[in-house]
Protein backbone atom coordinates (compact mmCIF):
# COMPACT_ATOMS: atom_id res chain seq x y z
CA MET A 1 -118.19 282.79 199.78
CA LYS A 2 -118.36 282.48 203.50
CA LYS A 3 -117.05 286.21 204.53
CA ILE A 4 -118.37 288.10 200.73
CA PHE A 5 -122.23 286.73 202.08
CA PRO A 6 -122.96 288.86 204.53
CA ILE A 7 -121.04 291.55 203.10
CA ILE A 8 -124.03 291.63 200.22
CA VAL A 9 -126.70 290.92 202.36
CA VAL A 10 -125.86 294.15 203.86
CA LEU A 11 -125.45 296.27 200.67
CA ILE A 12 -128.46 294.89 199.62
CA ALA A 13 -130.47 295.79 202.99
CA LEU A 14 -128.82 299.16 203.18
CA SER A 15 -129.69 299.64 199.39
CA LEU A 16 -133.33 298.56 199.91
CA ALA A 17 -133.72 300.32 203.67
CA GLY A 18 -132.47 303.52 201.27
CA ILE A 19 -135.28 303.24 198.77
CA ILE A 20 -138.08 302.99 201.34
CA ILE A 21 -136.78 305.95 203.11
CA VAL A 22 -136.20 307.80 199.86
CA GLN A 23 -139.78 306.73 198.59
CA VAL A 24 -141.18 307.73 201.97
CA LEU A 25 -139.95 311.05 201.81
CA TRP A 26 -140.76 311.45 198.07
CA PHE A 27 -144.77 310.41 199.23
CA GLN A 28 -144.92 313.39 202.16
CA ASN A 29 -143.58 315.59 199.42
CA LEU A 30 -145.57 314.54 196.73
CA LEU A 31 -148.96 314.97 198.86
CA LYS A 32 -147.76 318.54 200.22
CA VAL A 33 -147.70 319.85 196.47
CA GLN A 34 -150.90 317.63 195.52
CA GLU A 35 -152.56 319.69 198.31
CA ASP A 36 -151.40 322.88 197.26
CA ASN A 37 -151.94 322.30 193.91
CA ILE A 38 -155.90 321.12 194.39
CA LEU A 39 -156.96 323.96 196.70
CA HIS A 40 -154.83 326.48 193.98
CA LYS A 41 -157.40 324.59 191.11
CA VAL A 42 -160.32 324.83 193.58
CA ASP A 43 -159.55 328.54 194.08
CA GLU A 44 -158.76 329.68 190.39
CA ALA A 45 -162.27 328.06 189.64
CA ALA A 46 -164.25 329.68 192.32
CA LEU A 47 -162.95 333.00 191.35
CA ARG A 48 -163.80 332.28 187.45
CA VAL A 49 -166.89 331.70 188.62
CA GLY A 50 -166.94 334.66 190.92
CA GLN A 51 -166.41 337.11 188.47
CA ASP A 52 -168.88 335.45 186.07
CA LEU A 53 -171.40 335.71 188.36
CA GLY A 54 -169.79 339.58 189.40
CA ASN A 55 -170.30 340.28 186.13
CA HIS A 56 -173.50 339.32 185.56
CA ILE A 57 -175.31 340.71 189.31
CA MET A 58 -173.88 344.16 188.06
CA GLN A 59 -175.51 344.56 185.29
CA SER A 60 -178.25 343.23 185.97
CA PRO A 61 -181.75 345.54 186.30
CA LEU A 62 -181.98 347.39 190.01
CA VAL A 63 -184.50 345.46 192.14
CA HIS A 64 -187.17 347.50 194.48
CA LEU A 65 -187.60 345.61 197.80
CA HIS A 66 -191.66 346.34 198.71
CA LYS A 67 -193.17 344.82 201.72
CA LYS A 68 -196.21 343.26 199.50
CA ARG A 69 -194.24 342.36 196.34
CA PRO A 70 -190.40 341.65 197.39
CA LEU A 71 -188.65 341.96 194.36
CA GLU A 72 -190.03 344.35 191.41
CA ILE A 73 -187.57 345.44 188.79
CA LEU A 74 -187.16 348.73 188.38
CA PRO A 75 -185.58 350.98 185.25
CA ASP A 76 -182.17 352.18 186.67
CA ASN A 77 -183.23 356.01 186.69
CA LEU A 78 -185.97 355.67 189.52
CA PRO A 79 -184.91 358.32 192.09
CA PHE A 80 -185.95 356.38 195.54
CA GLY A 81 -184.62 354.25 198.08
CA GLY A 82 -185.57 350.80 198.34
CA ILE A 83 -183.16 349.68 195.62
CA GLN A 84 -180.25 347.69 195.04
CA GLN A 85 -178.71 345.16 192.97
CA PRO A 86 -180.57 341.41 192.97
CA THR A 87 -178.53 338.62 194.87
CA ILE A 88 -177.21 335.49 193.20
CA SER A 89 -180.38 333.47 195.30
CA GLN A 90 -182.44 335.54 193.54
CA ARG A 91 -181.25 335.04 189.87
CA TYR A 92 -180.01 331.41 190.38
CA THR A 93 -180.78 328.20 191.39
CA GLU A 94 -178.63 326.03 193.49
CA ARG A 95 -178.76 323.52 190.52
CA GLU A 96 -177.15 326.24 188.37
CA ILE A 97 -174.29 327.17 190.72
CA ASN A 98 -173.57 323.76 191.61
CA GLN A 99 -173.01 323.29 187.47
CA MET A 100 -170.96 326.40 187.04
CA LEU A 101 -168.80 325.35 189.96
CA LYS A 102 -168.57 321.80 188.41
CA SER A 103 -167.75 323.07 184.90
CA ALA A 104 -165.16 325.28 185.97
CA LEU A 105 -163.76 322.33 188.48
CA ASP A 106 -163.59 320.17 185.29
CA LYS A 107 -162.07 322.42 183.67
CA ASN A 108 -159.15 322.52 186.27
CA ASP A 109 -158.95 318.94 186.02
CA LEU A 110 -160.56 318.25 189.16
CA LYS A 111 -163.37 316.05 187.55
CA ASN A 112 -163.67 313.63 190.45
CA LEU A 113 -163.64 316.09 193.61
CA SER A 114 -166.11 316.31 195.78
CA PHE A 115 -167.40 319.30 196.90
CA GLU A 116 -170.56 321.33 199.42
CA PHE A 117 -171.04 325.07 198.15
CA ALA A 118 -172.89 328.09 199.96
CA ILE A 119 -173.37 331.46 198.83
CA THR A 120 -173.31 333.95 202.08
CA SER A 121 -173.52 337.68 202.37
CA ASN A 122 -170.87 339.61 203.38
CA GLY A 123 -170.43 339.26 207.60
CA ASP A 124 -172.36 336.70 207.74
CA ASP A 125 -171.09 333.33 206.93
CA LEU A 126 -172.98 331.13 209.24
CA ILE A 127 -176.33 332.06 207.56
CA PRO A 128 -176.20 331.49 203.79
CA GLU A 129 -178.52 332.63 201.42
CA MET A 130 -178.32 329.44 199.41
CA LYS A 131 -176.24 326.42 200.46
CA SER A 132 -175.93 322.82 198.91
CA LYS A 133 -177.49 319.60 200.99
CA ASN A 134 -174.61 319.08 203.36
CA PHE A 135 -172.76 322.08 203.52
CA LEU A 136 -172.68 322.70 206.94
CA ARG A 137 -172.11 319.37 208.06
CA VAL A 138 -169.00 319.70 206.25
CA TYR A 139 -168.58 323.19 206.97
CA PHE A 140 -168.04 322.64 210.65
CA ASP A 141 -165.47 319.93 210.54
CA THR A 142 -162.65 321.71 209.89
CA SER A 143 -160.60 318.61 211.26
CA HIS A 144 -161.09 316.15 208.25
CA ASN A 145 -162.25 319.06 205.38
CA LYS A 146 -161.09 322.14 204.02
CA VAL A 147 -163.32 325.36 202.81
CA ARG A 148 -162.58 328.40 200.36
CA ILE A 149 -163.63 331.41 200.36
CA ILE A 150 -163.82 333.58 196.98
CA PRO A 151 -165.98 336.80 196.63
CA VAL A 152 -168.09 337.55 194.35
CA SER A 153 -166.69 340.87 192.12
CA PRO A 154 -166.63 341.40 188.24
CA GLU A 155 -163.40 340.32 186.14
CA SER A 156 -160.49 342.56 186.46
CA GLY A 157 -160.38 344.81 183.40
CA SER A 158 -164.14 344.71 182.73
CA ASP A 159 -165.81 348.23 183.13
CA LEU A 160 -167.40 346.95 186.18
CA GLU A 161 -164.06 346.92 188.00
CA GLY A 162 -164.03 348.67 191.12
CA LEU A 163 -167.38 347.28 192.07
CA VAL A 164 -167.58 346.08 195.30
CA SER A 165 -170.18 342.70 195.68
CA ASN A 166 -171.89 341.69 199.11
CA GLU A 167 -171.77 338.27 198.86
CA ASN A 168 -169.12 335.27 198.54
CA ILE A 169 -168.53 331.73 197.42
CA LEU A 170 -167.61 329.14 200.27
CA ILE A 171 -166.54 325.90 198.53
CA ALA A 172 -166.50 323.20 201.27
CA ILE A 173 -164.22 319.97 200.04
CA PRO A 174 -165.51 316.63 202.30
CA ASP A 175 -162.57 314.38 203.52
CA PHE A 176 -159.69 316.46 201.94
CA LYS A 177 -156.87 314.54 202.84
CA ALA A 178 -158.64 310.90 201.42
CA GLN A 179 -159.49 312.83 197.76
CA VAL A 180 -155.73 314.17 198.22
CA TRP A 181 -154.46 310.26 198.17
CA GLU A 182 -157.45 309.20 195.47
CA SER A 183 -156.09 311.71 193.26
CA LEU A 184 -152.79 309.95 193.77
CA LEU A 185 -153.72 306.50 193.66
CA TRP A 186 -152.45 305.27 190.34
CA MET A 187 -149.27 306.80 191.39
CA ILE A 188 -149.12 305.59 195.03
CA VAL A 189 -149.61 301.60 193.44
CA GLY A 190 -146.93 301.95 190.70
CA ALA A 191 -144.13 303.16 193.34
CA LEU A 192 -145.50 300.70 195.77
CA ALA A 193 -145.60 297.64 192.88
CA PHE A 194 -142.22 298.96 192.12
CA THR A 195 -141.21 298.90 196.12
CA ILE A 196 -142.75 294.94 196.27
CA ILE A 197 -140.76 294.02 192.72
CA ILE A 198 -137.22 295.58 194.47
CA ILE A 199 -138.07 293.79 197.99
CA THR A 200 -138.98 290.19 195.94
CA ALA A 201 -136.17 290.34 194.12
CA PHE A 202 -133.96 291.03 197.03
CA TYR A 203 -135.76 288.33 198.80
CA LEU A 204 -135.34 285.92 195.72
CA THR A 205 -131.47 287.06 195.18
CA VAL A 206 -131.11 285.79 198.94
CA ARG A 207 -132.55 282.80 198.80
CA THR A 208 -130.68 281.84 195.76
CA LEU A 209 -127.32 282.58 197.12
CA LEU A 210 -128.25 280.52 200.46
CA ASN A 211 -129.38 277.79 198.27
CA GLN A 212 -126.24 277.94 196.19
CA ARG A 213 -124.36 278.30 199.43
CA LYS A 214 -125.94 274.88 201.01
CA LEU A 215 -125.79 273.32 197.48
CA SER A 216 -122.00 274.22 197.94
CA MET A 217 -121.20 272.72 200.96
CA ILE A 218 -123.70 269.43 200.48
CA LYS A 219 -121.92 269.17 197.17
CA SER A 220 -118.81 269.57 199.02
CA ASP A 221 -119.88 266.83 201.70
CA PHE A 222 -120.52 264.59 198.99
CA ILE A 223 -117.04 264.96 197.03
CA ASN A 224 -115.30 263.72 200.90
CA ASN A 225 -117.94 260.87 201.16
CA MET A 226 -117.36 259.71 197.78
CA THR A 227 -113.60 260.11 198.07
CA HIS A 228 -114.04 258.26 201.00
CA GLU A 229 -115.88 255.54 199.68
CA PHE A 230 -113.68 254.73 197.05
CA LYS A 231 -110.68 255.12 198.96
CA THR A 232 -111.40 252.28 201.09
CA PRO A 233 -112.18 249.71 198.92
CA LEU A 234 -109.06 250.69 196.51
CA ALA A 235 -106.62 250.41 199.66
CA THR A 236 -108.12 247.33 200.38
CA ILE A 237 -107.71 245.92 197.18
CA SER A 238 -104.08 247.43 197.07
CA LEU A 239 -103.41 245.36 200.31
CA ALA A 240 -104.86 242.00 198.63
CA VAL A 241 -102.55 242.70 195.39
CA ASP A 242 -99.50 243.15 197.35
CA ALA A 243 -100.45 240.01 199.53
CA LEU A 244 -101.24 237.36 196.38
CA LYS A 245 -97.37 238.75 194.95
CA ASN A 246 -96.21 237.01 198.52
CA GLU A 247 -94.88 233.46 197.47
CA LYS A 248 -96.12 231.92 200.84
CA VAL A 249 -99.69 233.41 199.51
CA GLN A 250 -99.37 232.26 196.16
CA ASN A 251 -98.39 228.66 197.63
CA ASP A 252 -101.15 228.56 199.90
CA ARG A 253 -104.70 228.00 197.67
CA GLN A 254 -107.33 229.02 200.67
CA LYS A 255 -105.45 232.08 201.07
CA THR A 256 -105.35 232.85 197.42
CA ASP A 257 -108.99 232.86 197.35
CA TYR A 258 -109.25 234.45 200.68
CA PHE A 259 -107.55 237.52 198.71
CA ASN A 260 -109.64 236.89 195.64
CA GLY A 261 -113.03 237.11 197.34
CA ILE A 262 -111.64 240.54 199.07
CA ILE A 263 -110.85 242.07 195.67
CA LYS A 264 -114.25 240.96 193.82
CA GLU A 265 -116.15 241.78 197.07
CA GLU A 266 -114.47 245.17 197.28
CA ASN A 267 -114.79 245.84 193.13
CA ILE A 268 -118.56 244.71 193.88
CA ARG A 269 -118.81 247.19 196.41
CA MET A 270 -117.22 250.20 194.11
CA ASN A 271 -119.42 249.27 191.18
CA LYS A 272 -122.48 249.91 193.84
CA HIS A 273 -121.24 253.50 194.00
CA VAL A 274 -120.88 253.71 190.49
CA GLU A 275 -124.31 253.07 189.74
CA THR A 276 -125.78 254.96 192.72
CA ILE A 277 -124.31 258.01 191.20
CA LEU A 278 -124.80 257.13 187.55
CA GLN A 279 -129.12 256.80 189.20
CA ALA A 280 -128.29 260.12 190.46
CA ALA A 281 -127.69 261.56 187.29
CA LEU A 282 -130.54 259.92 185.58
CA MET A 283 -132.66 261.09 188.01
CA ASP A 284 -131.12 264.19 187.66
CA ARG A 285 -131.86 264.44 183.70
CA GLN A 286 -135.22 262.97 185.11
CA GLU A 287 -134.40 259.90 182.83
CA LEU A 288 -135.37 257.00 184.87
CA LYS A 289 -137.33 254.56 183.10
CA LEU A 290 -139.80 252.31 184.54
CA ASN A 291 -141.25 249.29 183.33
CA LEU A 292 -144.58 249.18 185.36
CA LEU A 293 -146.29 245.91 185.24
CA PRO A 294 -149.12 244.73 187.81
CA MET A 295 -147.99 243.12 190.38
CA HIS A 296 -148.41 242.15 193.90
CA ALA A 297 -147.09 244.41 196.28
CA HIS A 298 -146.96 241.95 199.26
CA PRO A 299 -144.23 239.01 198.00
CA ILE A 300 -141.31 241.73 196.84
CA ILE A 301 -142.14 243.10 200.31
CA GLN A 302 -141.80 239.78 202.47
CA GLN A 303 -138.40 238.89 200.05
CA VAL A 304 -136.85 242.35 200.77
CA VAL A 305 -137.38 241.62 204.36
CA ASP A 306 -136.17 238.05 204.15
CA ASN A 307 -132.93 239.59 202.67
CA PHE A 308 -132.29 241.91 206.00
CA LYS A 309 -133.18 238.96 208.85
CA LEU A 310 -129.29 237.90 208.83
CA ARG A 311 -128.37 241.23 208.96
CA LEU A 312 -130.98 242.14 211.81
CA HIS A 313 -130.08 238.68 213.58
CA GLU A 314 -125.88 239.82 213.95
CA LYS A 315 -127.44 243.16 215.52
CA ASN A 316 -129.54 241.49 217.94
CA GLY A 317 -132.72 243.12 216.22
CA LYS A 318 -135.68 241.55 215.07
CA LEU A 319 -138.18 242.63 211.93
CA GLU A 320 -141.81 242.31 212.21
CA THR A 321 -144.24 241.97 209.36
CA MET A 322 -147.82 242.53 209.32
CA LEU A 323 -149.13 242.50 205.83
CA ASN A 324 -152.86 242.66 206.15
CA ALA A 325 -153.98 244.75 203.12
CA LYS A 326 -156.84 242.96 201.48
CA SER A 327 -155.68 244.28 198.04
CA ASP A 328 -152.23 244.60 196.96
CA LEU A 329 -152.13 244.70 193.48
CA VAL A 330 -150.14 247.57 192.10
CA LYS A 331 -148.48 248.91 188.53
CA ILE A 332 -144.79 248.83 189.84
CA ASP A 333 -141.24 248.53 188.39
CA GLU A 334 -140.22 245.49 190.14
CA VAL A 335 -136.62 246.12 190.31
CA HIS A 336 -136.89 250.04 191.51
CA PHE A 337 -140.02 249.35 193.78
CA THR A 338 -137.53 246.99 195.37
CA ASN A 339 -134.33 248.76 195.69
CA ALA A 340 -136.57 251.69 197.60
CA ILE A 341 -138.03 249.55 199.68
CA SER A 342 -134.46 248.15 200.25
CA ASN A 343 -132.99 251.51 201.21
CA LEU A 344 -135.83 252.56 203.32
CA ILE A 345 -134.86 249.31 205.87
CA ASP A 346 -131.15 249.65 204.92
CA ASN A 347 -131.62 253.41 206.72
CA ALA A 348 -133.51 251.71 209.70
CA VAL A 349 -130.66 249.54 210.58
CA LYS A 350 -127.79 252.01 210.10
CA TYR A 351 -129.41 254.76 212.21
CA SER A 352 -130.86 252.45 214.77
CA ASN A 353 -129.94 252.15 218.53
CA ASP A 354 -129.61 249.14 220.68
CA ASN A 355 -132.67 246.71 220.45
CA LEU A 356 -133.90 247.57 216.94
CA CYS A 357 -137.20 246.25 216.05
CA ILE A 358 -138.29 246.80 212.23
CA LYS A 359 -142.16 246.51 211.98
CA VAL A 360 -143.55 246.17 208.16
CA PHE A 361 -147.49 246.94 207.86
CA SER A 362 -149.95 246.60 204.93
CA HIS A 363 -153.32 247.92 204.40
CA CYS A 364 -155.57 249.23 201.92
CA THR A 365 -158.49 251.71 200.89
CA ASN A 366 -160.76 251.74 198.06
CA ARG A 367 -158.11 253.31 195.80
CA HIS A 368 -154.57 253.06 197.65
CA PHE A 369 -152.29 250.38 198.89
CA ILE A 370 -150.29 251.63 201.96
CA PHE A 371 -147.74 250.20 203.70
CA ARG A 372 -145.74 251.79 206.61
CA ILE A 373 -141.46 250.90 207.71
CA GLU A 374 -141.78 251.53 211.50
CA ASP A 375 -138.37 251.73 213.61
CA ASN A 376 -137.28 252.55 217.06
CA GLY A 377 -134.21 253.86 215.92
CA ILE A 378 -132.04 257.60 216.64
CA GLY A 379 -135.27 258.93 215.08
CA MET A 380 -134.73 262.39 213.07
CA SER A 381 -135.15 266.22 213.83
CA LYS A 382 -137.58 268.43 212.49
CA GLU A 383 -134.75 270.41 210.06
CA THR A 384 -133.85 266.59 208.61
CA VAL A 385 -137.67 265.57 208.10
CA LYS A 386 -138.25 268.36 205.84
CA ARG A 387 -134.89 267.77 204.13
CA ILE A 388 -134.82 263.98 203.99
CA PHE A 389 -135.70 263.51 200.37
CA GLU A 390 -133.19 266.57 199.35
CA LYS A 391 -130.29 264.89 197.14
CA PHE A 392 -126.87 264.75 198.64
CA TYR A 393 -128.27 265.61 202.28
CA ARG A 394 -127.09 263.52 205.18
CA ALA A 395 -128.81 263.74 208.90
CA HIS A 396 -126.37 264.55 211.49
CA THR A 397 -125.59 261.26 212.76
CA GLY A 398 -123.89 262.33 216.54
CA ASN A 399 -121.78 259.23 217.72
CA LEU A 400 -122.55 257.24 215.00
CA HIS A 401 -119.37 257.61 212.46
CA ASN A 402 -119.78 254.04 211.13
CA VAL A 403 -122.91 255.20 209.01
CA LYS A 404 -121.26 256.20 205.28
CA GLY A 405 -123.05 256.70 202.37
CA PHE A 406 -123.67 259.51 199.65
CA GLY A 407 -127.05 261.28 200.44
CA LEU A 408 -128.73 259.78 197.06
CA GLY A 409 -130.92 256.79 198.84
CA MET A 410 -133.76 258.71 200.16
CA SER A 411 -133.66 261.08 197.56
CA TYR A 412 -133.77 258.29 194.86
CA VAL A 413 -136.75 256.68 196.81
CA LYS A 414 -138.98 259.90 196.79
CA THR A 415 -138.20 260.11 193.06
CA VAL A 416 -139.09 255.89 192.54
CA ILE A 417 -142.55 256.47 194.23
CA ASP A 418 -143.42 259.57 192.56
CA ALA A 419 -142.50 257.73 189.59
CA HIS A 420 -145.20 255.51 190.52
CA LYS A 421 -147.46 258.25 190.80
CA GLY A 422 -147.31 257.55 194.59
CA LYS A 423 -146.96 259.33 197.83
CA ILE A 424 -144.43 259.10 200.40
CA ARG A 425 -144.02 260.90 203.91
CA VAL A 426 -142.13 260.77 206.86
CA ASP A 427 -142.94 260.89 210.18
CA SER A 428 -140.17 261.00 212.93
CA THR A 429 -139.29 262.28 216.40
CA LEU A 430 -135.90 262.30 217.66
CA GLY A 431 -134.81 259.78 219.45
CA LYS A 432 -137.74 257.19 219.38
CA GLY A 433 -137.67 256.46 215.77
CA SER A 434 -139.23 257.12 212.51
CA THR A 435 -141.77 255.70 210.27
CA PHE A 436 -142.23 255.86 206.60
CA THR A 437 -145.73 255.84 204.68
CA ILE A 438 -146.46 254.65 201.20
CA GLU A 439 -149.34 255.09 199.00
CA LEU A 440 -149.59 253.42 195.60
CA PRO A 441 -152.51 253.40 193.04
CA ILE A 442 -154.26 249.97 193.41
CA VAL A 443 -154.87 248.36 189.96
CA HIS A 444 -158.65 247.18 190.19
CA ASP A 445 -159.54 244.07 188.13
CA ASN A 446 -161.52 246.39 185.71
CA ASP A 447 -158.50 248.51 184.95
């Protein structure tokens, strides 16, 4: 697992990088193709409109330009000068041209394309004879906008083909790049969503592999600890049994009782280990059953504290209690609650330095009974604080090689407090000690 895990991560990372690079290149190509496609469709639409306008203009009656009467429609056979075909602006309004262009663009699947237009005479594009409201602003901003110029001429193949028009249609497309991106919005969103899904899958895969690796290491440590914890009492029992077979021991009542006592103590010790493992199995299946009854917490806490006083005396330590909570009536399972407090104090004793001092405080709010267990022991690192309630997790104890266990105690405490609908948190500084704070809902008289 140690060797193959980095290979798996590298292969997945390379695959993911390859997919992202291919998608980036695909985006670039797609944008170019879409730009050319939109411009081609705009040219087609404008050309169609130009041909329609060219046909209509060339078929229109000639007009006579008079100083006092600027526009007068005359018969086609009048033999004098000052006669010309009518311009687009003379036959159509701005609104009509705009509608013709929009209709042509709609037919080319460009319904949402924004555009400005103008009608100009040949050779004089800067002074349009007709223009939309924002045409000039869009026309001169060539860095962001696109301009297409289409001549107004009769349709190819018609009787009017070959006649030259003096006018052009100018179509200006504002924010051309932005409109191209907008036209590809759903495709881009889909591609990004697909990429995010792949990245998420990659993250979950790596996290799962890391968790499996961590779990494998934790289980290996658990098996090693369990083997050691059972091997020691079994060896002690074996030695005691061998001693009892000795005739001298059999004839000495005091020695017989001594070795029988050792066997009984080691048997009790193994039973406690078995019970701990069974409790862990029950917690795994979420079958921890509590017999919750309204009880005062202070007497239970005090009883646990009293049970540790002799052990603390042997280590030249002290245990102080300041149970100042005015209300300590809570719904608890006496057995599991006692075990949880006992585990917390036991940990404080095991992970201690010289001059051990444990303090137990309590106070309350309107809704919660709160008590803290403080110690001045070896403390915990930030990593240990984060993982202290994980099953099978055991903190690195440095030179404290005499600390034994399966790494189930804190997990059990967390499960019990959660089952009581309470909260537990830990604050710790490496080398200075730890504080465990527990909150439990108070039972009021009217509950």
